């Protein structure tokens, strides 16, 4: 019996030793991020993986969808929202570790058209006629009731006295990337998206930029969830680093914090 017990103990010790490296290699951070972050954040995450070996599982969608999924118990370590409203919502639902919140990035919204469109160089100012510009076609953006880009778009058009006439022309998409695709495919004559989205889609061109004072400031907050893994804090620190700043600014985002080294 003593010999058997000793063998079992040795087996357990050996098994534990063989499992430890594997579990270290299999560390994964789950990120829920606004759809507009995809290209830039994929590159940031790849840089972090190269540095640390930590891998990522990332879900990209409208901030509204992600905040509600986290509320319903979806496993996430990090939430990156395209506006402060949905981060505030998540905090109110006690799903976010509030002290980890940082207002990380800024952006702008632009008017886009398919790359072969005859529309070009639109001056976006008080009273500009978006409805006339769209003609018989549609204007694509995110759902103005919930998707951040749609909310920004509606606010800007209301400020510029262009919303009422243009509203019937709108095709509401589930996310900014869905709106971008509608324009790239020629299924909408125009679209309102973030400047960073227009930059990564070769099928569209930017024809005008909305004045910054026509809508609330576009701010991307990032935070850990209340169920985040321990290694999440190091990743959040990396998002504030000079290395991440270089990547994010390459895609057109505005860095709102002083970078760490």
Protein backbone atom coordinates (compact mmCIF):
# COMPACT_ATOMS: atom_id res chain seq x y z
CA UNK A 1 0.00 0.00 0.00
CA UNK A 2 2.87 2.37 0.87
CA UNK A 3 4.52 1.70 -2.50
CA UNK A 4 1.23 2.37 -4.38
CA UNK A 5 0.66 5.60 -2.46
CA UNK A 6 4.19 6.70 -3.31
CA UNK A 7 3.67 5.96 -7.00
CA UNK A 8 0.39 7.90 -7.02
CA UNK A 9 2.09 10.86 -5.36
CA UNK A 10 4.87 10.79 -7.94
CA UNK A 11 2.30 10.64 -10.76
CA UNK A 12 0.39 13.63 -9.41
CA UNK A 13 3.61 15.65 -9.05
CA UNK A 14 4.71 14.77 -12.58
CA UNK A 15 1.27 15.51 -14.01
CA UNK A 16 1.24 18.87 -12.27
CA UNK A 17 4.68 19.68 -13.62
CA UNK A 18 3.64 18.82 -17.17
CA UNK A 19 0.46 20.88 -16.99
CA UNK A 20 1.93 24.07 -15.58
CA UNK A 21 3.77 25.28 -18.71
CA UNK A 22 0.75 24.55 -20.89
CA UNK A 23 -1.56 26.56 -18.69
CA UNK A 24 0.91 29.46 -18.79
CA UNK A 25 1.02 29.31 -22.57
CA UNK A 26 -2.77 29.18 -22.84
CA UNK A 27 -3.49 32.52 -21.14
CA UNK A 28 -6.18 34.31 -23.10
CA UNK A 29 -7.71 37.75 -22.59
CA UNK A 30 -11.27 38.19 -23.86
CA UNK A 31 -11.95 41.66 -25.27
CA UNK A 32 -15.32 43.11 -26.24
CA UNK A 33 -14.58 46.11 -28.47
CA UNK A 34 -16.47 48.61 -30.61
CA UNK A 35 -16.61 47.52 -34.26
CA UNK A 36 -14.63 50.56 -35.40
CA UNK A 37 -11.63 49.34 -33.39
CA UNK A 38 -11.08 46.12 -35.34
CA UNK A 39 -8.12 46.83 -37.62
CA UNK A 40 -6.21 48.94 -35.12
CA UNK A 41 -6.89 46.74 -32.09
CA UNK A 42 -6.02 43.55 -33.98
CA UNK A 43 -2.56 45.03 -34.59
CA UNK A 44 -2.20 46.23 -31.00
CA UNK A 45 -3.16 42.79 -29.71
CA UNK A 46 -0.70 41.08 -32.06
CA UNK A 47 2.06 43.31 -30.67
CA UNK A 48 1.05 42.41 -27.10
CA UNK A 49 0.98 38.69 -27.92
CA UNK A 50 4.45 38.94 -29.46
CA UNK A 51 5.69 40.62 -26.28
CA UNK A 52 3.99 38.43 -23.66
CA UNK A 53 2.67 35.25 -25.28
CA UNK A 54 -0.84 36.10 -24.05
CA UNK A 55 -3.50 35.38 -26.67
CA UNK A 56 -6.79 37.13 -27.40
CA UNK A 57 -10.40 36.29 -28.04
CA UNK A 58 -12.03 39.44 -29.41
CA UNK A 59 -15.68 40.18 -30.17
CA UNK A 60 -16.33 43.27 -32.30
CA UNK A 61 -19.83 44.75 -32.46
CA UNK A 62 -21.77 47.90 -31.65
CA UNK A 63 -20.97 49.16 -28.14
CA UNK A 64 -24.66 48.90 -27.25
CA UNK A 65 -24.73 45.19 -28.11
CA UNK A 66 -21.52 44.46 -26.22
CA UNK A 67 -22.56 46.33 -23.06
CA UNK A 68 -25.79 44.34 -22.92
CA UNK A 69 -24.01 41.04 -23.57
CA UNK A 70 -21.67 41.75 -20.66
CA UNK A 71 -24.68 42.64 -18.53
CA UNK A 72 -26.22 39.28 -19.41
CA UNK A 73 -23.12 37.43 -18.23
CA UNK A 74 -21.03 37.04 -21.38
CA UNK A 75 -17.43 36.28 -20.32
CA UNK A 76 -15.28 39.35 -21.04
CA UNK A 77 -12.16 40.78 -19.43
CA UNK A 78 -12.10 44.14 -21.23
CA UNK A 79 -14.74 46.47 -22.68
CA UNK A 80 -13.83 49.13 -25.25
CA UNK A 81 -16.78 51.39 -26.03
CA UNK A 82 -17.10 53.95 -28.84
CA UNK A 83 -18.86 56.38 -26.54
CA UNK A 84 -19.03 57.25 -22.86
CA UNK A 85 -22.77 56.52 -22.62
CA UNK A 86 -22.42 52.76 -23.01
CA UNK A 87 -19.46 52.59 -20.63
CA UNK A 88 -21.54 54.58 -18.11
CA UNK A 89 -24.37 52.10 -18.69
CA UNK A 90 -22.08 49.13 -18.01
CA UNK A 91 -20.80 50.79 -14.84
CA UNK A 92 -24.36 51.39 -13.69
CA UNK A 93 -25.02 47.66 -14.11
CA UNK A 94 -22.00 46.84 -11.89
CA UNK A 95 -20.23 44.91 -14.65
CA UNK A 96 -17.20 47.21 -14.92
CA UNK A 97 -14.30 47.69 -12.50
CA UNK A 98 -14.72 51.48 -12.50
CA UNK A 99 -11.25 52.47 -11.19
CA UNK A 100 -9.69 50.84 -14.30
CA UNK A 101 -11.64 53.06 -16.69
CA UNK A 102 -9.60 55.31 -19.00
CA UNK A 103 -10.93 57.61 -21.73
CA UNK A 104 -8.31 56.39 -24.19
CA UNK A 105 -9.10 57.54 -27.72
CA UNK A 106 -10.82 60.20 -29.80
CA UNK A 107 -12.19 60.09 -33.35
CA UNK A 108 -14.18 62.12 -35.87
CA UNK A 109 -17.15 61.41 -38.13
CA UNK A 110 -17.11 61.83 -41.89
CA UNK A 111 -19.42 61.63 -44.88
CA UNK A 112 -18.45 58.85 -47.28
CA UNK A 113 -19.52 57.74 -50.74
CA UNK A 114 -18.64 54.74 -52.92
CA UNK A 115 -15.16 55.19 -54.41
CA UNK A 116 -16.54 55.70 -57.94
CA UNK A 117 -19.26 58.18 -56.88
CA UNK A 118 -19.50 61.55 -58.59
CA UNK A 119 -20.10 63.17 -55.21
CA UNK A 120 -16.97 64.87 -53.92
CA UNK A 121 -15.75 67.72 -51.70
CA UNK A 122 -18.91 68.36 -49.72
CA UNK A 123 -18.85 71.38 -47.41
CA UNK A 124 -20.59 70.27 -44.23
CA UNK A 125 -21.93 73.35 -42.49
CA UNK A 126 -25.14 74.85 -41.14
CA UNK A 127 -28.08 74.00 -43.41
CA UNK A 128 -26.24 71.67 -45.82
CA UNK A 129 -28.76 69.60 -47.77
CA UNK A 130 -27.92 65.96 -47.13
CA UNK A 131 -31.31 64.78 -48.41
CA UNK A 132 -30.75 66.43 -51.80
CA UNK A 133 -27.19 65.12 -51.95
CA UNK A 134 -28.39 61.53 -51.43
CA UNK A 135 -30.82 61.81 -54.33
CA UNK A 136 -32.87 58.63 -54.74
CA UNK A 137 -30.40 56.63 -52.67
CA UNK A 138 -29.90 55.89 -49.00
CA UNK A 139 -27.61 57.27 -46.31
CA UNK A 140 -26.12 54.53 -44.14
CA UNK A 141 -25.03 54.86 -40.54
CA UNK A 142 -25.47 53.00 -37.26
CA UNK A 143 -28.87 52.88 -35.59
CA UNK A 144 -29.32 56.44 -34.31
CA UNK A 145 -31.11 55.21 -31.17
CA UNK A 146 -28.35 52.98 -29.87
CA UNK A 147 -25.19 52.63 -32.00
CA UNK A 148 -22.66 55.35 -31.07
CA UNK A 149 -21.81 56.43 -34.63
CA UNK A 150 -25.53 56.82 -35.38
CA UNK A 151 -26.04 58.87 -32.23
CA UNK A 152 -23.16 61.15 -33.16
CA UNK A 153 -24.48 61.44 -36.74
CA UNK A 154 -27.99 62.39 -35.66
CA UNK A 155 -26.69 64.93 -33.14
CA UNK A 156 -24.55 66.57 -35.84
CA UNK A 157 -27.34 66.67 -38.40
CA UNK A 158 -29.75 68.16 -35.86
CA UNK A 159 -27.18 70.83 -34.97
CA UNK A 160 -26.72 71.62 -38.66
CA UNK A 161 -30.51 71.69 -39.34
CA UNK A 162 -30.22 68.80 -41.80
CA UNK A 163 -31.78 65.91 -39.87
CA UNK A 164 -35.49 66.42 -40.48
CA UNK A 165 -35.24 66.40 -44.28
CA UNK A 166 -32.66 63.61 -44.37
CA UNK A 167 -34.19 61.22 -41.84
CA UNK A 168 -36.38 59.31 -44.38
CA UNK A 169 -33.25 58.58 -46.43
CA UNK A 170 -31.45 56.75 -43.64
CA UNK A 171 -30.61 53.06 -43.64
CA UNK A 172 -29.89 52.12 -40.03
CA UNK A 173 -27.19 49.48 -39.64
CA UNK A 174 -26.36 47.29 -36.63
CA UNK A 175 -22.82 48.69 -36.42
CA UNK A 176 -20.55 51.22 -38.06
CA UNK A 177 -18.81 48.47 -40.03
CA UNK A 178 -22.16 47.27 -41.39
CA UNK A 179 -22.88 50.84 -42.55
CA UNK A 180 -19.43 51.04 -44.12
CA UNK A 181 -20.09 47.84 -46.06
CA UNK A 182 -23.40 49.16 -47.43
CA UNK A 183 -21.60 52.14 -48.94
CA UNK A 184 -18.65 50.10 -50.22
CA UNK A 185 -21.08 47.79 -52.04
CA UNK A 186 -22.97 50.73 -53.54
CA UNK A 187 -26.12 49.81 -51.63
CA UNK A 188 -26.17 53.30 -50.11
CA UNK A 189 -25.21 56.51 -51.92
CA UNK A 190 -23.69 58.00 -48.79
CA UNK A 191 -22.74 57.02 -45.28
CA UNK A 192 -21.70 58.57 -42.00
CA UNK A 193 -18.91 56.66 -40.28
CA UNK A 194 -15.78 57.34 -38.27
CA UNK A 195 -12.81 58.72 -40.17
CA UNK A 196 -10.84 55.65 -39.04
CA UNK A 197 -13.35 53.33 -40.77
CA UNK A 198 -13.19 55.26 -44.03
CA UNK A 199 -9.41 54.98 -43.90
CA UNK A 200 -9.36 51.16 -43.91
CA UNK A 201 -12.06 50.53 -46.56
CA UNK A 202 -10.78 50.89 -50.15
CA UNK A 203 -14.32 50.74 -51.51
CA UNK A 204 -15.24 54.19 -50.18
CA UNK A 205 -13.93 57.74 -50.21
CA UNK A 206 -14.35 60.54 -47.69
CA UNK A 207 -16.26 63.44 -49.23
CA UNK A 208 -16.68 65.64 -46.16
CA UNK A 209 -15.87 65.94 -42.46
CA UNK A 210 -18.37 66.96 -39.78
CA UNK A 211 -17.30 69.92 -37.65
CA UNK A 212 -16.10 68.77 -34.23
CA UNK A 213 -18.48 71.19 -32.52
CA UNK A 214 -21.54 69.77 -34.30
CA UNK A 215 -21.72 66.71 -32.05
CA UNK A 216 -20.60 65.51 -28.60
CA UNK A 217 -16.90 64.71 -28.35
CA UNK A 218 -16.18 61.23 -29.68
CA UNK A 219 -14.48 59.38 -26.84
CA UNK A 220 -13.52 55.71 -26.55
CA UNK A 221 -13.31 54.58 -22.91
CA UNK A 222 -11.68 51.27 -22.00
CA UNK A 223 -11.98 49.33 -18.73
CA UNK A 224 -11.68 45.92 -17.15
CA UNK A 225 -14.83 44.05 -16.23
CA UNK A 226 -15.57 42.97 -12.67
CA UNK A 227 -14.75 39.37 -13.66
CA UNK A 228 -11.48 40.18 -15.47
CA UNK A 229 -8.47 37.88 -15.19
CA UNK A 230 -5.44 39.13 -13.23
CA UNK A 231 -3.35 39.65 -16.37
CA UNK A 232 -5.88 42.15 -17.71
CA UNK A 233 -4.28 45.02 -15.79
CA UNK A 234 -1.00 44.56 -17.64
CA UNK A 235 -2.86 44.62 -20.97
CA UNK A 236 -4.68 47.83 -20.02
CA UNK A 237 -1.31 49.36 -19.19
CA UNK A 238 -0.04 48.31 -22.63
CA UNK A 239 -2.99 50.08 -24.28
CA UNK A 240 -1.70 53.30 -22.71
CA UNK A 241 1.89 52.69 -23.86
CA UNK A 242 3.92 54.48 -26.51
CA UNK A 243 3.92 51.27 -28.57
CA UNK A 244 0.10 51.12 -28.63
CA UNK A 245 -0.13 54.88 -29.28
CA UNK A 246 2.02 54.53 -32.41
CA UNK A 247 -0.25 51.82 -33.81
CA UNK A 248 -3.53 53.51 -32.90
CA UNK A 249 -2.49 56.87 -34.33
CA UNK A 250 -1.43 55.17 -37.56
CA UNK A 251 -5.08 54.18 -38.02
CA UNK A 252 -6.25 57.74 -37.36
CA UNK A 253 -7.30 57.56 -33.70
CA UNK A 254 -6.48 60.45 -31.40
CA UNK A 255 -4.66 59.40 -28.23
CA UNK A 256 -6.27 61.18 -25.25
CA UNK A 257 -3.88 60.15 -22.46
CA UNK A 258 -0.20 60.71 -21.78
CA UNK A 259 1.48 57.51 -22.99
CA UNK A 260 3.53 55.36 -20.69
CA UNK A 261 6.75 53.75 -21.86
